[in-house]
Amino acid sequence: MTDSDTLVIFDYPDESTFKTSDKRVTTLSAMTEKLGEKMIHGYSFSELENALNRHSFKVHENITPKIMDERYYSDHINSGMTAFPNVNILTGIKNV
């Protein structure tokens, strides 16, 4: 049981994860596998939205890599820091 104002926040690999040769993505995948958390599936937004809905949550915000870059890394353009191209952050809130 959860309160009506319960918020969940998590990051997830999107469906492009296993279709890219981006070095950062392949390195991340290798690192997580070494830690015992092999990345075996990338998720579409609609897939996660449906899963949340089945458990009485609704999507509050889906933060894509583009949004992360604009929101958090725009002041660091010359540093080379950017969001991972395949990792999104999703926040969901419990439906009343």
Foldseek 3Di string as FASTA:
>chain_A
DDDQFDKDKDKFFAQCLVVDPPVVSVVVQVVCVVVVRHDDHHHHPVVVQVVQVVVQKHWPDKAAQVNCCVPPVVVPVVVPDGDDNGMIMTMIGGHD
